[in-house]
Amino acid sequence: MKLPRRSFLYLVAGTAALPALSYVARAQAYPSRPVRIVVGFAPGGPTDVFARVAARWLSDHLSQQFVVENRPGAGSNIATEMVVNASPDGYTLLLTAPANTINATLYDKLSFNFIRDIEPVASIVRTTYVIVVNPAIPAKTVPEFISYAKANPGSINMASAGSGTPQHVAGELFKMMTGIEMVHVPYRGAAPALTDLIGGQVQVMFDNMTSSLEFIRAGKLRALAVTSSTRSALLPNIPTVSDFVPGFEASAQFGLGAPKNTPVEIVAKLNKEINASLADPKIKQRFADLAAEVLPGSPAEFGKLVAAETEKWAKVVRFSGAKPD
C-alpha cells in the first residue's frame, strides 16, 4: 500500500525522534540496578571516604545502591582503566582524584587518555595542603624558610607520600617558583613520612591538612602556610603561600567521572544530585570535618578544571623529572 506523502513524512519524523525519546526514557529510568563507584585507592583514605559520602547520598536519593569498589594500584591507573573500558551506561563511575591529572604526564605509556576517555560528571570537594616543618627548623614563616633554604642549599630533606604524589608535586611547584633546593625523600605513604618528619629525619613536608592537623595542634609540627588561594577555616591564623609567593596554588580536587559517551541525560541527572548533596548542611559539615571544601558546578566546569590541573601539573612533573615508584 502506498502511503500519502504527508503520512510518510510524519512516519519519518516519528522514527527520527525515537533515539532521542529512548535517551530520555533511559535517563528517567536510571538507575534501574546498582551502580559501582570505582576508587583507585585502598579503603580508609580521603578518596575512599569522599566516595562513600557521595555514594550514600546517591543511594538514598536515586533509590538504587551506589556501591564503592576499591581497585588500588599503579597510582589509581588500574581503577581508571577499568572505568574507561566499562560500558558507557552510567553503571560504572570513577571517583576522580589529583593522581589522575598528575599521571597524565608522570606515566610515559598509558592505555587511556584521561581527559579524552573520562566524561566529567561533577566536582565534589577540594582539599588543601599545608607546609609543615620539624620545630627544630628555625624558620617560622615562608620568607624565613626560603632564606634558610637558600643559605643551606641541599640540606633540607622534603618528605612525600611517594614519587609523583600530590604532596610531592606541590613541593616541586614550590621549588620551581622560589628557586630553592630541597632533596626529595619519597615514602610509602604519608604516615611513615610524618613519623620521620616528627623525628627530625626529614625537615619539611607539603602534607594533606587532615593528616597533619593533630600534630600541628599538639606542637609536634610547625605550620608555615596553607597551599590554597585562601586561608583555611581549620587554621585561620596560618597564611597562604601565595601571600609570599604570588601565584602559588596547590589543591586537590575530587569528583565523579564516567566512561566517554555516557548519555548526557544520565550525566545531568548525576550532576544534579551531587550538587544537591553539596548544598545540604549535614553533607557540607561532614566534608568540613574532613578538611574539605564543597565544590559544586556543572560537568563543563569540572571538565575545564581537570584540563587546567592536568596542564599545570604537566609542567611541574617535567620540571622535577619525577618518575612513578
C-alpha atoms as a PDB file:
ATOM      1  CA  MET A   1       0.000   0.000   0.000  1.00  0.00           C
ATOM      2  CA  LYS A   2       1.362   3.396  -0.962  1.00  0.00           C
ATOM      3  CA  LEU A   3       1.356   5.939   1.856  1.00  0.00           C
ATOM      4  CA  PRO A   4       0.230   9.503   1.178  1.00  0.00           C
ATOM      5  CA  ARG A   5       3.155  11.923   1.193  1.00  0.00           C
ATOM      6  CA  ARG A   6       2.021  13.644   4.431  1.00  0.00           C
ATOM      7  CA  SER A   7       1.649  10.345   6.298  1.00  0.00           C
ATOM      8  CA  PHE A   8       5.064   9.241   5.063  1.00  0.00           C
ATOM      9  CA  LEU A   9       6.696  12.446   6.393  1.00  0.00           C
ATOM     10  CA  TYR A  10       5.016  12.009   9.784  1.00  0.00           C
ATOM     11  CA  LEU A  11       6.309   8.443   9.919  1.00  0.00           C
ATOM     12  CA  VAL A  12       9.857   9.547   9.082  1.00  0.00           C
ATOM     13  CA  ALA A  13       9.765  12.329  11.675  1.00  0.00           C
ATOM     14  CA  GLY A  14       8.455   9.961  14.328  1.00  0.00           C
ATOM     15  CA  THR A  15      11.140   7.403  13.555  1.00  0.00           C
ATOM     16  CA  ALA A  16      13.873  10.058  13.781  1.00  0.00           C
ATOM     17  CA  ALA A  17      12.598  11.083  17.208  1.00  0.00           C
ATOM     18  CA  LEU A  18      12.849   7.556  18.612  1.00  0.00           C
ATOM     19  CA  PRO A  19      16.582   7.728  19.579  1.00  0.00           C
ATOM     20  CA  ALA A  20      16.006  10.980  21.456  1.00  0.00           C
ATOM     21  CA  LEU A  21      12.985   9.534  23.214  1.00  0.00           C
ATOM     22  CA  SER A  22      14.945   6.401  24.140  1.00  0.00           C
ATOM     23  CA  TYR A  23      17.713   8.538  25.674  1.00  0.00           C
ATOM     24  CA  VAL A  24      15.173  10.485  27.726  1.00  0.00           C
ATOM     25  CA  ALA A  25      13.434   7.273  28.809  1.00  0.00           C
ATOM     26  CA  ARG A  26      16.779   5.744  29.756  1.00  0.00           C
ATOM     27  CA  ALA A  27      17.656   8.762  31.889  1.00  0.00           C
ATOM     28  CA  GLN A  28      14.249   8.744  33.568  1.00  0.00           C
ATOM     29  CA  ALA A  29      14.604   5.050  34.375  1.00  0.00           C
ATOM     30  CA  TYR A  30      18.217   5.409  35.523  1.00  0.00           C
ATOM     31  CA  PRO A  31      19.353   3.826  37.717  1.00  0.00           C
ATOM     32  CA  SER A  32      17.411   0.579  37.479  1.00  0.00           C
ATOM     33  CA  ARG A  33      20.126  -1.539  39.103  1.00  0.00           C
ATOM     34  CA  PRO A  34      23.126  -0.996  41.443  1.00  0.00           C
ATOM     35  CA  VAL A  35      25.864   1.410  40.361  1.00  0.00           C
ATOM     36  CA  ARG A  36      29.585   0.999  41.054  1.00  0.00           C
ATOM     37  CA  ILE A  37      31.798   3.914  42.076  1.00  0.00           C
ATOM     38  CA  VAL A  38      35.358   2.746  41.492  1.00  0.00           C
ATOM     39  CA  VAL A  39      38.094   4.189  43.741  1.00  0.00           C
ATOM     40  CA  GLY A  40      41.741   3.823  42.804  1.00  0.00           C
ATOM     41  CA  PHE A  41      42.975   3.706  46.384  1.00  0.00           C
ATOM     42  CA  ALA A  42      42.630   1.447  49.410  1.00  0.00           C
ATOM     43  CA  PRO A  43      39.719   1.820  51.869  1.00  0.00           C
ATOM     44  CA  GLY A  44      40.050   4.432  54.588  1.00  0.00           C
ATOM     45  CA  GLY A  45      41.888   7.188  52.729  1.00  0.00           C
ATOM     46  CA  PRO A  46      40.408  10.573  51.740  1.00  0.00           C
ATOM     47  CA  THR A  47      39.414   9.472  48.223  1.00  0.00           C
ATOM     48  CA  ASP A  48      37.605   6.427  49.598  1.00  0.00           C
ATOM     49  CA  VAL A  49      35.804   8.452  52.272  1.00  0.00           C
ATOM     50  CA  PHE A  50      34.675  11.107  49.774  1.00  0.00           C
ATOM     51  CA  ALA A  51      33.340   8.345  47.521  1.00  0.00           C
ATOM     52  CA  ARG A  52      31.377   6.774  50.363  1.00  0.00           C
ATOM     53  CA  VAL A  53      29.765  10.074  51.360  1.00  0.00           C
ATOM     54  CA  ALA A  54      28.667  10.626  47.753  1.00  0.00           C
ATOM     55  CA  ALA A  55      27.539   7.002  47.372  1.00  0.00           C
ATOM     56  CA  ARG A  56      25.358   7.192  50.479  1.00  0.00           C
ATOM     57  CA  TRP A  57      23.594  10.324  49.232  1.00  0.00           C
ATOM     58  CA  LEU A  58      23.045   8.929  45.735  1.00  0.00           C
ATOM     59  CA  SER A  59      21.728   5.649  47.153  1.00  0.00           C
ATOM     60  CA  ASP A  60      19.244   7.498  49.352  1.00  0.00           C
ATOM     61  CA  HIS A  61      18.025   9.843  46.626  1.00  0.00           C
ATOM     62  CA  LEU A  62      18.066   7.709  43.470  1.00  0.00           C
ATOM     63  CA  SER A  63      16.517   4.570  45.008  1.00  0.00           C
ATOM     64  CA  GLN A  64      19.333   2.237  43.980  1.00  0.00           C
ATOM     65  CA  GLN A  65      22.525   1.144  45.683  1.00  0.00           C
ATOM     66  CA  PHE A  66      25.679   3.037  44.739  1.00  0.00           C
ATOM     67  CA  VAL A  67      28.476   0.711  45.835  1.00  0.00           C
ATOM     68  CA  VAL A  68      32.088   1.798  46.351  1.00  0.00           C
ATOM     69  CA  GLU A  69      34.572  -0.625  44.815  1.00  0.00           C
ATOM     70  CA  ASN A  70      38.247  -0.163  45.731  1.00  0.00           C
ATOM     71  CA  ARG A  71      40.738  -1.029  42.986  1.00  0.00           C
ATOM     72  CA  PRO A  72      44.092   0.296  44.247  1.00  0.00           C
ATOM     73  CA  GLY A  73      47.289   0.047  42.249  1.00  0.00           C
ATOM     74  CA  ALA A  74      49.557   1.928  39.823  1.00  0.00           C
ATOM     75  CA  GLY A  75      48.674   5.293  41.301  1.00  0.00           C
ATOM     76  CA  SER A  76      44.956   4.836  40.515  1.00  0.00           C
ATOM     77  CA  ASN A  77      45.600   3.855  36.873  1.00  0.00           C
ATOM     78  CA  ILE A  78      44.101   0.375  37.337  1.00  0.00           C
ATOM     79  CA  ALA A  79      40.793   1.845  38.506  1.00  0.00           C
ATOM     80  CA  THR A  80      40.773   4.484  35.787  1.00  0.00           C
ATOM     81  CA  GLU A  81      41.445   1.949  33.034  1.00  0.00           C
ATOM     82  CA  MET A  82      38.643  -0.233  34.389  1.00  0.00           C
ATOM     83  CA  VAL A  83      36.145   2.632  34.106  1.00  0.00           C
ATOM     84  CA  VAL A  84      37.454   3.748  30.705  1.00  0.00           C
ATOM     85  CA  ASN A  85      36.743   0.241  29.370  1.00  0.00           C
ATOM     86  CA  ALA A  86      33.330  -0.066  31.023  1.00  0.00           C
ATOM     87  CA  SER A  87      30.056   0.289  29.165  1.00  0.00           C
ATOM     88  CA  PRO A  88      29.054   3.982  28.946  1.00  0.00           C
ATOM     89  CA  ASP A  89      25.682   3.416  30.572  1.00  0.00           C
ATOM     90  CA  GLY A  90      26.115   5.176  33.924  1.00  0.00           C
ATOM     91  CA  TYR A  91      26.530   1.988  35.950  1.00  0.00           C
ATOM     92  CA  THR A  92      30.317   2.237  36.380  1.00  0.00           C
ATOM     93  CA  LEU A  93      31.648   5.544  37.661  1.00  0.00           C
ATOM     94  CA  LEU A  94      35.070   6.786  38.801  1.00  0.00           C
ATOM     95  CA  LEU A  95      35.904   8.826  41.877  1.00  0.00           C
ATOM     96  CA  THR A  96      38.453  11.118  40.257  1.00  0.00           C
ATOM     97  CA  ALA A  97      41.415  12.380  42.281  1.00  0.00           C
ATOM     98  CA  PRO A  98      44.532  14.554  41.846  1.00  0.00           C
ATOM     99  CA  ALA A  99      46.510  11.491  40.760  1.00  0.00           C
ATOM    100  CA  ASN A 100      44.514  11.414  37.521  1.00  0.00           C
ATOM    101  CA  THR A 101      45.713  14.862  36.459  1.00  0.00           C
ATOM    102  CA  ILE A 102      49.308  14.140  37.528  1.00  0.00           C
ATOM    103  CA  ASN A 103      49.535  10.661  35.994  1.00  0.00           C
ATOM    104  CA  ALA A 104      48.783  12.007  32.524  1.00  0.00           C
ATOM    105  CA  THR A 105      52.400  13.213  32.400  1.00  0.00           C
ATOM    106  CA  LEU A 106      54.018  11.109  35.123  1.00  0.00           C
ATOM    107  CA  TYR A 107      53.469   7.841  33.204  1.00  0.00           C
ATOM    108  CA  ASP A 108      55.028   7.587  29.761  1.00  0.00           C
ATOM    109  CA  LYS A 109      52.654   4.953  28.413  1.00  0.00           C
ATOM    110  CA  LEU A 110      49.040   4.728  29.476  1.00  0.00           C
ATOM    111  CA  SER A 111      46.379   2.767  27.631  1.00  0.00           C
ATOM    112  CA  PHE A 112      43.982   5.700  28.015  1.00  0.00           C
ATOM    113  CA  ASN A 113      43.860   9.474  27.859  1.00  0.00           C
ATOM    114  CA  PHE A 114      42.126  10.698  30.999  1.00  0.00           C
ATOM    115  CA  ILE A 115      40.753  13.926  29.520  1.00  0.00           C
ATOM    116  CA  ARG A 116      39.595  12.211  26.316  1.00  0.00           C
ATOM    117  CA  ASP A 117      38.251   8.970  27.779  1.00  0.00           C
ATOM    118  CA  ILE A 118      36.577  10.032  31.040  1.00  0.00           C
ATOM    119  CA  GLU A 119      33.409  12.109  30.920  1.00  0.00           C
ATOM    120  CA  PRO A 120      33.327  14.791  33.653  1.00  0.00           C
ATOM    121  CA  VAL A 121      30.165  14.358  35.723  1.00  0.00           C
ATOM    122  CA  ALA A 122      30.517  16.506  38.838  1.00  0.00           C
ATOM    123  CA  SER A 123      33.154  18.055  41.046  1.00  0.00           C
ATOM    124  CA  ILE A 124      32.656  17.192  44.704  1.00  0.00           C
ATOM    125  CA  VAL A 125      35.274  18.690  47.032  1.00  0.00           C
ATOM    126  CA  ARG A 126      38.593  20.479  47.161  1.00  0.00           C
ATOM    127  CA  THR A 127      41.222  19.917  49.841  1.00  0.00           C
ATOM    128  CA  THR A 128      44.387  21.838  50.559  1.00  0.00           C
ATOM    129  CA  TYR A 129      47.887  21.059  51.729  1.00  0.00           C
ATOM    130  CA  VAL A 130      49.883  22.684  54.472  1.00  0.00           C
ATOM    131  CA  ILE A 131      53.630  23.256  54.636  1.00  0.00           C
ATOM    132  CA  VAL A 132      54.763  21.656  57.881  1.00  0.00           C
ATOM    133  CA  VAL A 133      58.300  21.648  59.262  1.00  0.00           C
ATOM    134  CA  ASN A 134      60.022  19.986  62.161  1.00  0.00           C
ATOM    135  CA  PRO A 135      60.134  22.504  65.056  1.00  0.00           C
ATOM    136  CA  ALA A 136      63.954  22.264  65.034  1.00  0.00           C
ATOM    137  CA  ILE A 137      63.965  24.233  61.787  1.00  0.00           C
ATOM    138  CA  PRO A 138      64.464  27.892  62.791  1.00  0.00           C
ATOM    139  CA  ALA A 139      62.130  29.257  60.091  1.00  0.00           C
ATOM    140  CA  LYS A 140      58.722  30.344  61.347  1.00  0.00           C
ATOM    141  CA  THR A 141      57.417  31.916  58.134  1.00  0.00           C
ATOM    142  CA  VAL A 142      57.584  31.159  54.421  1.00  0.00           C
ATOM    143  CA  PRO A 143      60.073  34.000  53.721  1.00  0.00           C
ATOM    144  CA  GLU A 144      62.282  32.768  56.574  1.00  0.00           C
ATOM    145  CA  PHE A 145      62.092  29.221  55.208  1.00  0.00           C
ATOM    146  CA  ILE A 146      63.083  30.367  51.710  1.00  0.00           C
ATOM    147  CA  SER A 147      66.009  32.338  53.140  1.00  0.00           C
ATOM    148  CA  TYR A 148      67.072  29.378  55.279  1.00  0.00           C
ATOM    149  CA  ALA A 149      66.922  27.028  52.282  1.00  0.00           C
ATOM    150  CA  LYS A 150      68.979  29.376  50.119  1.00  0.00           C
ATOM    151  CA  ALA A 151      71.557  29.751  52.886  1.00  0.00           C
ATOM    152  CA  ASN A 152      71.737  25.963  53.288  1.00  0.00           C
ATOM    153  CA  PRO A 153      71.412  24.527  49.768  1.00  0.00           C
ATOM    154  CA  GLY A 154      70.778  20.799  49.632  1.00  0.00           C
ATOM    155  CA  SER A 155      70.480  20.432  53.395  1.00  0.00           C
ATOM    156  CA  ILE A 156      66.675  20.322  53.551  1.00  0.00           C
ATOM    157  CA  ASN A 157      65.003  16.955  53.019  1.00  0.00           C
ATOM    158  CA  MET A 158      61.434  17.150  51.744  1.00  0.00           C
ATOM    159  CA  ALA A 159      59.267  14.147  52.586  1.00  0.00           C
ATOM    160  CA  SER A 160      56.326  12.979  50.489  1.00  0.00           C
ATOM    161  CA  ALA A 161      53.906  10.067  50.319  1.00  0.00           C
ATOM    162  CA  GLY A 162      55.705   8.837  47.205  1.00  0.00           C
ATOM    163  CA  SER A 163      57.167   9.985  43.913  1.00  0.00           C
ATOM    164  CA  GLY A 164      54.566  11.733  41.790  1.00  0.00           C
ATOM    165  CA  THR A 165      52.036  12.021  44.601  1.00  0.00           C
ATOM    166  CA  PRO A 166      50.174  15.308  45.091  1.00  0.00           C
ATOM    167  CA  GLN A 167      52.349  16.111  48.134  1.00  0.00           C
ATOM    168  CA  HIS A 168      55.460  15.623  46.028  1.00  0.00           C
ATOM    169  CA  VAL A 169      54.408  17.790  43.099  1.00  0.00           C
ATOM    170  CA  ALA A 170      53.148  20.535  45.438  1.00  0.00           C
ATOM    171  CA  GLY A 171      56.655  20.698  46.892  1.00  0.00           C
ATOM    172  CA  GLU A 172      58.189  20.658  43.420  1.00  0.00           C
ATOM    173  CA  LEU A 173      55.941  23.558  42.408  1.00  0.00           C
ATOM    174  CA  PHE A 174      57.249  25.473  45.420  1.00  0.00           C
ATOM    175  CA  LYS A 175      60.836  24.714  44.388  1.00  0.00           C
ATOM    176  CA  MET A 176      60.098  25.772  40.822  1.00  0.00           C
ATOM    177  CA  MET A 177      58.586  29.106  41.851  1.00  0.00           C
ATOM    178  CA  THR A 178      61.103  30.024  44.575  1.00  0.00           C
ATOM    179  CA  GLY A 179      64.337  28.651  43.148  1.00  0.00           C
ATOM    180  CA  ILE A 180      65.295  26.825  46.339  1.00  0.00           C
ATOM    181  CA  GLU A 181      66.860  23.389  46.592  1.00  0.00           C
ATOM    182  CA  MET A 182      65.274  20.579  48.584  1.00  0.00           C
ATOM    183  CA  VAL A 183      66.125  16.884  48.476  1.00  0.00           C
ATOM    184  CA  HIS A 184      63.016  14.818  47.806  1.00  0.00           C
ATOM    185  CA  VAL A 185      62.613  11.782  50.071  1.00  0.00           C
ATOM    186  CA  PRO A 186      59.684   9.600  48.942  1.00  0.00           C
ATOM    187  CA  TYR A 187      57.927   7.278  51.403  1.00  0.00           C
ATOM    188  CA  ARG A 188      55.352   4.537  51.012  1.00  0.00           C
ATOM    189  CA  GLY A 189      52.505   6.710  52.236  1.00  0.00           C
ATOM    190  CA  ALA A 190      52.018   9.812  54.346  1.00  0.00           C
ATOM    191  CA  ALA A 191      52.076   8.077  57.756  1.00  0.00           C
ATOM    192  CA  PRO A 192      55.739   6.959  57.689  1.00  0.00           C
ATOM    193  CA  ALA A 193      56.740  10.298  56.177  1.00  0.00           C
ATOM    194  CA  LEU A 194      55.092  12.178  59.046  1.00  0.00           C
ATOM    195  CA  THR A 195      56.742   9.856  61.581  1.00  0.00           C
ATOM    196  CA  ASP A 196      60.189  10.730  60.226  1.00  0.00           C
ATOM    197  CA  LEU A 197      59.280  14.419  59.965  1.00  0.00           C
ATOM    198  CA  ILE A 198      58.335  14.483  63.649  1.00  0.00           C
ATOM    199  CA  GLY A 199      61.506  12.541  64.458  1.00  0.00           C
ATOM    200  CA  GLY A 200      63.704  15.007  62.562  1.00  0.00           C
ATOM    201  CA  GLN A 201      64.967  12.622  59.859  1.00  0.00           C
ATOM    202  CA  VAL A 202      63.393  14.957  57.273  1.00  0.00           C
ATOM    203  CA  GLN A 203      62.699  18.657  57.677  1.00  0.00           C
ATOM    204  CA  VAL A 204      59.624  19.634  55.649  1.00  0.00           C
ATOM    205  CA  MET A 205      56.530  18.189  54.031  1.00  0.00           C
ATOM    206  CA  PHE A 206      53.650  19.501  51.931  1.00  0.00           C
ATOM    207  CA  ASP A 207      51.004  17.365  53.567  1.00  0.00           C
ATOM    208  CA  ASN A 208      47.253  16.929  53.500  1.00  0.00           C
ATOM    209  CA  MET A 209      45.585  19.106  56.084  1.00  0.00           C
ATOM    210  CA  THR A 210      43.661  16.164  57.532  1.00  0.00           C
ATOM    211  CA  SER A 211      46.700  14.073  58.435  1.00  0.00           C
ATOM    212  CA  SER A 212      48.852  16.923  59.784  1.00  0.00           C
ATOM    213  CA  LEU A 213      46.278  18.876  61.758  1.00  0.00           C
ATOM    214  CA  GLU A 214      46.504  16.952  65.043  1.00  0.00           C
ATOM    215  CA  PHE A 215      50.314  17.178  65.037  1.00  0.00           C
ATOM    216  CA  ILE A 216      50.174  20.918  64.362  1.00  0.00           C
ATOM    217  CA  ARG A 217      47.757  21.458  67.245  1.00  0.00           C
ATOM    218  CA  ALA A 218      49.921  19.303  69.533  1.00  0.00           C
ATOM    219  CA  GLY A 219      53.018  21.351  68.679  1.00  0.00           C
ATOM    220  CA  LYS A 220      54.841  18.384  67.126  1.00  0.00           C
ATOM    221  CA  LEU A 221      54.916  20.132  63.742  1.00  0.00           C
ATOM    222  CA  ARG A 222      55.007  23.812  62.800  1.00  0.00           C
ATOM    223  CA  ALA A 223      52.684  25.023  60.050  1.00  0.00           C
ATOM    224  CA  LEU A 224      54.161  27.725  57.833  1.00  0.00           C
ATOM    225  CA  ALA A 225      51.369  28.205  55.300  1.00  0.00           C
ATOM    226  CA  VAL A 226      48.474  26.556  53.532  1.00  0.00           C
ATOM    227  CA  THR A 227      48.738  25.999  49.794  1.00  0.00           C
ATOM    228  CA  SER A 228      45.222  27.082  48.802  1.00  0.00           C
ATOM    229  CA  SER A 229      44.414  30.523  47.419  1.00  0.00           C
ATOM    230  CA  THR A 230      42.542  31.456  50.610  1.00  0.00           C
ATOM    231  CA  ARG A 231      43.090  30.690  54.286  1.00  0.00           C
ATOM    232  CA  SER A 232      41.661  27.556  55.825  1.00  0.00           C
ATOM    233  CA  ALA A 233      38.950  27.725  58.480  1.00  0.00           C
ATOM    234  CA  LEU A 234      40.792  24.921  60.288  1.00  0.00           C
ATOM    235  CA  LEU A 235      43.959  27.035  60.580  1.00  0.00           C
ATOM    236  CA  PRO A 236      42.644  30.595  60.360  1.00  0.00           C
ATOM    237  CA  ASN A 237      45.848  32.162  61.701  1.00  0.00           C
ATOM    238  CA  ILE A 238      48.082  30.474  59.145  1.00  0.00           C
ATOM    239  CA  PRO A 239      48.728  32.485  55.951  1.00  0.00           C
ATOM    240  CA  THR A 240      48.671  31.181  52.402  1.00  0.00           C
ATOM    241  CA  VAL A 241      51.838  30.511  50.411  1.00  0.00           C
ATOM    242  CA  SER A 242      50.587  32.991  47.804  1.00  0.00           C
ATOM    243  CA  ASP A 243      50.816  35.768  50.407  1.00  0.00           C
ATOM    244  CA  PHE A 244      54.587  35.476  49.899  1.00  0.00           C
ATOM    245  CA  VAL A 245      54.929  33.641  46.568  1.00  0.00           C
ATOM    246  CA  PRO A 246      52.418  35.336  44.231  1.00  0.00           C
ATOM    247  CA  GLY A 247      50.515  32.927  42.030  1.00  0.00           C
ATOM    248  CA  PHE A 248      51.286  29.820  44.042  1.00  0.00           C
ATOM    249  CA  GLU A 249      48.327  27.481  44.496  1.00  0.00           C
ATOM    250  CA  ALA A 250      48.180  23.748  45.072  1.00  0.00           C
ATOM    251  CA  SER A 251      44.997  21.948  45.995  1.00  0.00           C
ATOM    252  CA  ALA A 252      43.345  18.606  45.395  1.00  0.00           C
ATOM    253  CA  GLN A 253      40.061  18.296  43.528  1.00  0.00           C
ATOM    254  CA  PHE A 254      37.862  15.213  43.755  1.00  0.00           C
ATOM    255  CA  GLY A 255      34.864  14.455  41.612  1.00  0.00           C
ATOM    256  CA  LEU A 256      32.838  11.929  39.692  1.00  0.00           C
ATOM    257  CA  GLY A 257      33.644  10.733  36.182  1.00  0.00           C
ATOM    258  CA  ALA A 258      32.083   8.260  33.746  1.00  0.00           C
ATOM    259  CA  PRO A 259      33.167   6.453  30.576  1.00  0.00           C
ATOM    260  CA  LYS A 260      33.201   8.627  27.472  1.00  0.00           C
ATOM    261  CA  ASN A 261      29.882   8.740  25.598  1.00  0.00           C
ATOM    262  CA  THR A 262      27.781   8.197  28.717  1.00  0.00           C
ATOM    263  CA  PRO A 263      24.387   9.735  27.782  1.00  0.00           C
ATOM    264  CA  VAL A 264      24.206  13.416  28.635  1.00  0.00           C
ATOM    265  CA  GLU A 265      20.859  12.900  30.370  1.00  0.00           C
ATOM    266  CA  ILE A 266      22.442  10.461  32.826  1.00  0.00           C
ATOM    267  CA  VAL A 267      25.405  12.775  33.395  1.00  0.00           C
ATOM    268  CA  ALA A 268      22.988  15.648  34.048  1.00  0.00           C
ATOM    269  CA  LYS A 269      20.952  13.560  36.489  1.00  0.00           C
ATOM    270  CA  LEU A 270      24.035  12.578  38.487  1.00  0.00           C
ATOM    271  CA  ASN A 271      25.368  16.133  38.424  1.00  0.00           C
ATOM    272  CA  LYS A 272      22.066  17.483  39.753  1.00  0.00           C
ATOM    273  CA  GLU A 273      22.070  15.031  42.667  1.00  0.00           C
ATOM    274  CA  ILE A 274      25.726  15.654  43.556  1.00  0.00           C
ATOM    275  CA  ASN A 275      25.120  19.419  43.606  1.00  0.00           C
ATOM    276  CA  ALA A 276      22.041  18.874  45.767  1.00  0.00           C
ATOM    277  CA  SER A 277      24.176  16.920  48.240  1.00  0.00           C
ATOM    278  CA  LEU A 278      26.774  19.682  48.371  1.00  0.00           C
ATOM    279  CA  ALA A 279      24.059  22.184  49.319  1.00  0.00           C
ATOM    280  CA  ASP A 280      22.892  20.025  52.230  1.00  0.00           C
ATOM    281  CA  PRO A 281      24.155  21.436  55.581  1.00  0.00           C
ATOM    282  CA  LYS A 282      24.882  17.982  57.025  1.00  0.00           C
ATOM    283  CA  ILE A 283      26.932  16.928  54.000  1.00  0.00           C
ATOM    284  CA  LYS A 284      28.796  20.245  53.982  1.00  0.00           C
ATOM    285  CA  GLN A 285      29.652  19.763  57.640  1.00  0.00           C
ATOM    286  CA  ARG A 286      30.706  16.168  57.024  1.00  0.00           C
ATOM    287  CA  PHE A 287      33.150  17.327  54.374  1.00  0.00           C
ATOM    288  CA  ALA A 288      34.313  20.250  56.534  1.00  0.00           C
ATOM    289  CA  ASP A 289      35.153  17.748  59.281  1.00  0.00           C
ATOM    290  CA  LEU A 290      37.396  16.055  56.702  1.00  0.00           C
ATOM    291  CA  ALA A 291      39.102  19.397  55.931  1.00  0.00           C
ATOM    292  CA  ALA A 292      37.374  19.502  52.545  1.00  0.00           C
ATOM    293  CA  GLU A 293      35.524  22.371  50.866  1.00  0.00           C
ATOM    294  CA  VAL A 294      32.479  21.544  48.739  1.00  0.00           C
ATOM    295  CA  LEU A 295      32.938  22.280  45.043  1.00  0.00           C
ATOM    296  CA  PRO A 296      29.608  22.427  43.183  1.00  0.00           C
ATOM    297  CA  GLY A 297      29.462  23.052  39.445  1.00  0.00           C
ATOM    298  CA  SER A 298      28.413  21.816  36.031  1.00  0.00           C
ATOM    299  CA  PRO A 299      30.043  18.966  34.109  1.00  0.00           C
ATOM    300  CA  ALA A 300      31.587  21.539  31.753  1.00  0.00           C
ATOM    301  CA  GLU A 301      33.085  23.487  34.650  1.00  0.00           C
ATOM    302  CA  PHE A 302      34.516  20.306  36.121  1.00  0.00           C
ATOM    303  CA  GLY A 303      35.991  19.413  32.736  1.00  0.00           C
ATOM    304  CA  LYS A 304      37.721  22.797  32.486  1.00  0.00           C
ATOM    305  CA  LEU A 305      39.125  22.384  35.983  1.00  0.00           C
ATOM    306  CA  VAL A 306      40.507  18.918  35.158  1.00  0.00           C
ATOM    307  CA  ALA A 307      42.098  20.223  31.962  1.00  0.00           C
ATOM    308  CA  ALA A 308      43.701  23.165  33.768  1.00  0.00           C
ATOM    309  CA  GLU A 309      45.072  20.958  36.557  1.00  0.00           C
ATOM    310  CA  THR A 310      46.449  18.472  34.021  1.00  0.00           C
ATOM    311  CA  GLU A 311      48.296  21.240  32.187  1.00  0.00           C
ATOM    312  CA  LYS A 312      49.595  22.751  35.426  1.00  0.00           C
ATOM    313  CA  TRP A 313      51.000  19.521  36.853  1.00  0.00           C
ATOM    314  CA  ALA A 314      52.467  18.517  33.487  1.00  0.00           C
ATOM    315  CA  LYS A 315      54.848  21.493  33.754  1.00  0.00           C
ATOM    316  CA  VAL A 316      55.798  20.577  37.316  1.00  0.00           C
ATOM    317  CA  VAL A 317      56.362  16.888  36.538  1.00  0.00           C
ATOM    318  CA  ARG A 318      58.625  17.800  33.632  1.00  0.00           C
ATOM    319  CA  PHE A 319      60.498  20.346  35.768  1.00  0.00           C
ATOM    320  CA  SER A 320      61.097  17.831  38.542  1.00  0.00           C
ATOM    321  CA  GLY A 321      61.837  14.829  36.345  1.00  0.00           C
ATOM    322  CA  ALA A 322      59.547  12.785  38.614  1.00  0.00           C
ATOM    323  CA  LYS A 323      59.029   9.124  37.758  1.00  0.00           C
ATOM    324  CA  PRO A 324      56.497   6.693  39.233  1.00  0.00           C
ATOM    325  CA  ASP A 325      57.721   4.450  42.059  1.00  0.00           C
END
